[in-house]
Amino acid sequence: MFGIGMPELLIILVIILIIFGAGKLPEIGGALGRGIKNFKKATREPNEIDVTPNTEKKADEKKP
């Protein structure tokens, strides 16, 4: 994985633990998980572009 082995990952995790503290890690993990979930959902959904003409506005404009 990009030339990063297990010892390097452990060092990175220890640094993150020191910076953010043990209390913030579940919060950060949950936010990261939600972000990944939303990203996957957005890539799977087709683009939703509404190209239907809006006839209600035209009908309302003619009534006055």
N, C-alpha and C. Protein backbone atom coordinates (compact mmCIF):
# COMPACT_ATOMS: atom_id res chain seq x y z
N MET A 1 0.85 -1.19 0.00
CA MET A 1 0.00 0.00 0.00
C MET A 1 0.88 1.24 0.00
N PHE A 2 1.30 1.67 -1.13
CA PHE A 2 2.11 2.87 -1.31
C PHE A 2 3.43 2.80 -0.56
N GLY A 3 3.95 1.60 -0.37
CA GLY A 3 5.22 1.45 0.30
C GLY A 3 5.17 1.68 1.79
N ILE A 4 3.97 1.69 2.38
CA ILE A 4 3.83 1.87 3.82
C ILE A 4 3.59 0.51 4.44
N GLY A 5 4.48 0.09 5.30
CA GLY A 5 4.35 -1.19 5.97
C GLY A 5 3.68 -1.07 7.32
N MET A 6 3.64 -2.18 8.03
CA MET A 6 3.00 -2.21 9.34
C MET A 6 3.71 -1.32 10.36
N PRO A 7 5.04 -1.30 10.43
CA PRO A 7 5.68 -0.41 11.41
C PRO A 7 5.38 1.07 11.17
N GLU A 8 5.33 1.47 9.91
CA GLU A 8 5.02 2.86 9.60
C GLU A 8 3.59 3.22 10.00
N LEU A 9 2.64 2.28 9.73
CA LEU A 9 1.25 2.53 10.11
C LEU A 9 1.11 2.66 11.63
N LEU A 10 1.82 1.84 12.37
CA LEU A 10 1.76 1.93 13.83
C LEU A 10 2.31 3.26 14.33
N ILE A 11 3.38 3.73 13.74
CA ILE A 11 3.94 5.03 14.12
C ILE A 11 2.95 6.15 13.82
N ILE A 12 2.31 6.08 12.66
CA ILE A 12 1.31 7.10 12.30
C ILE A 12 0.15 7.07 13.28
N LEU A 13 -0.34 5.89 13.64
CA LEU A 13 -1.45 5.78 14.58
C LEU A 13 -1.08 6.31 15.96
N VAL A 14 0.15 6.06 16.42
CA VAL A 14 0.59 6.58 17.71
C VAL A 14 0.65 8.11 17.67
N ILE A 15 1.13 8.68 16.58
CA ILE A 15 1.20 10.14 16.45
C ILE A 15 -0.21 10.73 16.46
N ILE A 16 -1.14 10.09 15.75
CA ILE A 16 -2.53 10.57 15.73
C ILE A 16 -3.13 10.49 17.13
N LEU A 17 -2.84 9.41 17.85
CA LEU A 17 -3.35 9.26 19.21
C LEU A 17 -2.80 10.35 20.12
N ILE A 18 -1.54 10.71 19.95
CA ILE A 18 -0.94 11.76 20.77
C ILE A 18 -1.55 13.12 20.44
N ILE A 19 -1.76 13.39 19.16
CA ILE A 19 -2.28 14.69 18.75
C ILE A 19 -3.74 14.88 19.18
N PHE A 20 -4.59 13.91 18.88
CA PHE A 20 -6.03 14.08 19.11
C PHE A 20 -6.50 13.55 20.46
N GLY A 21 -5.78 12.63 21.04
CA GLY A 21 -6.21 12.04 22.31
C GLY A 21 -7.18 10.90 22.11
N ALA A 22 -7.32 10.08 23.12
CA ALA A 22 -8.16 8.89 23.02
C ALA A 22 -9.65 9.23 22.94
N GLY A 23 -10.06 10.34 23.51
CA GLY A 23 -11.48 10.72 23.50
C GLY A 23 -12.01 11.12 22.15
N LYS A 24 -11.16 11.71 21.34
CA LYS A 24 -11.60 12.20 20.03
C LYS A 24 -11.57 11.13 18.94
N LEU A 25 -10.82 10.05 19.15
CA LEU A 25 -10.66 9.05 18.08
C LEU A 25 -11.97 8.43 17.62
N PRO A 26 -12.91 8.02 18.49
CA PRO A 26 -14.17 7.48 17.99
C PRO A 26 -14.96 8.50 17.17
N GLU A 27 -14.90 9.74 17.59
CA GLU A 27 -15.59 10.81 16.87
C GLU A 27 -15.00 10.99 15.47
N ILE A 28 -13.70 11.00 15.39
CA ILE A 28 -13.01 11.15 14.10
C ILE A 28 -13.28 9.95 13.21
N GLY A 29 -13.25 8.75 13.80
CA GLY A 29 -13.52 7.53 13.03
C GLY A 29 -14.93 7.51 12.48
N GLY A 30 -15.89 7.92 13.29
CA GLY A 30 -17.28 7.97 12.83
C GLY A 30 -17.48 8.95 11.70
N ALA A 31 -16.86 10.12 11.82
CA ALA A 31 -16.97 11.13 10.76
C ALA A 31 -16.31 10.64 9.47
N LEU A 32 -15.18 9.97 9.61
CA LEU A 32 -14.49 9.44 8.43
C LEU A 32 -15.33 8.35 7.77
N GLY A 33 -15.94 7.50 8.58
CA GLY A 33 -16.81 6.45 8.04
C GLY A 33 -18.02 7.01 7.32
N ARG A 34 -18.66 8.03 7.90
CA ARG A 34 -19.81 8.67 7.24
C ARG A 34 -19.39 9.31 5.92
N GLY A 35 -18.21 9.92 5.92
CA GLY A 35 -17.72 10.55 4.69
C GLY A 35 -17.48 9.54 3.58
N ILE A 36 -16.89 8.41 3.93
CA ILE A 36 -16.65 7.36 2.94
C ILE A 36 -17.97 6.79 2.45
N LYS A 37 -18.93 6.59 3.36
CA LYS A 37 -20.24 6.06 2.98
C LYS A 37 -20.95 7.01 2.01
N ASN A 38 -20.92 8.32 2.30
CA ASN A 38 -21.55 9.30 1.42
C ASN A 38 -20.86 9.36 0.07
N PHE A 39 -19.54 9.22 0.06
CA PHE A 39 -18.80 9.25 -1.19
C PHE A 39 -19.17 8.05 -2.06
N LYS A 40 -19.24 6.86 -1.46
CA LYS A 40 -19.63 5.66 -2.22
C LYS A 40 -21.05 5.79 -2.75
N LYS A 41 -21.95 6.33 -1.93
CA LYS A 41 -23.34 6.51 -2.35
C LYS A 41 -23.43 7.47 -3.53
N ALA A 42 -22.64 8.54 -3.48
CA ALA A 42 -22.67 9.53 -4.55
C ALA A 42 -22.09 8.98 -5.85
N THR A 43 -21.11 8.10 -5.76
CA THR A 43 -20.53 7.55 -6.99
C THR A 43 -21.43 6.49 -7.60
N ARG A 44 -22.27 5.83 -6.82
CA ARG A 44 -23.16 4.80 -7.35
C ARG A 44 -24.44 5.39 -7.94
N GLU A 45 -24.90 6.52 -7.45
CA GLU A 45 -26.15 7.10 -7.92
C GLU A 45 -25.96 7.75 -9.28
N PRO A 46 -26.95 7.58 -10.17
CA PRO A 46 -26.86 8.28 -11.46
C PRO A 46 -27.08 9.78 -11.26
N ASN A 47 -26.60 10.54 -12.19
CA ASN A 47 -26.80 11.99 -12.11
C ASN A 47 -28.28 12.29 -12.27
N GLU A 48 -28.80 13.05 -11.35
CA GLU A 48 -30.22 13.39 -11.37
C GLU A 48 -30.38 14.82 -11.90
N ILE A 49 -30.66 14.92 -13.18
CA ILE A 49 -30.87 16.21 -13.80
C ILE A 49 -32.30 16.24 -14.32
N ASP A 50 -33.05 17.20 -13.85
CA ASP A 50 -34.44 17.33 -14.25
C ASP A 50 -34.51 18.19 -15.51
N VAL A 51 -34.89 17.57 -16.62
CA VAL A 51 -34.95 18.31 -17.89
C VAL A 51 -36.39 18.52 -18.34
N THR A 52 -37.36 18.18 -17.49
CA THR A 52 -38.74 18.37 -17.87
C THR A 52 -39.10 19.85 -17.80
N PRO A 53 -39.87 20.34 -18.75
CA PRO A 53 -40.24 21.76 -18.69
C PRO A 53 -41.20 22.02 -17.54
N ASN A 54 -41.09 23.19 -16.96
CA ASN A 54 -41.93 23.56 -15.84
C ASN A 54 -43.17 24.25 -16.37
N THR A 55 -44.27 23.48 -16.50
CA THR A 55 -45.51 24.02 -17.08
C THR A 55 -46.35 24.75 -16.04
N GLU A 56 -46.14 24.48 -14.75
CA GLU A 56 -46.94 25.14 -13.72
C GLU A 56 -46.68 26.63 -13.67
N LYS A 57 -45.45 27.05 -13.84
CA LYS A 57 -45.13 28.47 -13.80
C LYS A 57 -45.81 29.21 -14.95
N LYS A 58 -45.80 28.63 -16.12
CA LYS A 58 -46.41 29.27 -17.29
C LYS A 58 -47.92 29.38 -17.11
N ALA A 59 -48.54 28.35 -16.55
CA ALA A 59 -49.99 28.39 -16.34
C ALA A 59 -50.33 29.44 -15.28
N ASP A 60 -49.53 29.57 -14.24
CA ASP A 60 -49.79 30.57 -13.21
C ASP A 60 -49.60 31.98 -13.73
N GLU A 61 -48.68 32.19 -14.64
CA GLU A 61 -48.40 33.53 -15.15
C GLU A 61 -49.53 34.03 -16.05
N LYS A 62 -50.23 33.14 -16.71
CA LYS A 62 -51.30 33.52 -17.63
C LYS A 62 -52.60 33.85 -16.90
N LYS A 63 -52.80 33.38 -15.68
CA LYS A 63 -54.04 33.56 -14.92
C LYS A 63 -54.33 34.99 -14.47
N PRO A 64 -53.39 35.85 -14.15
CA PRO A 64 -53.72 37.14 -13.54
C PRO A 64 -54.60 37.94 -14.39
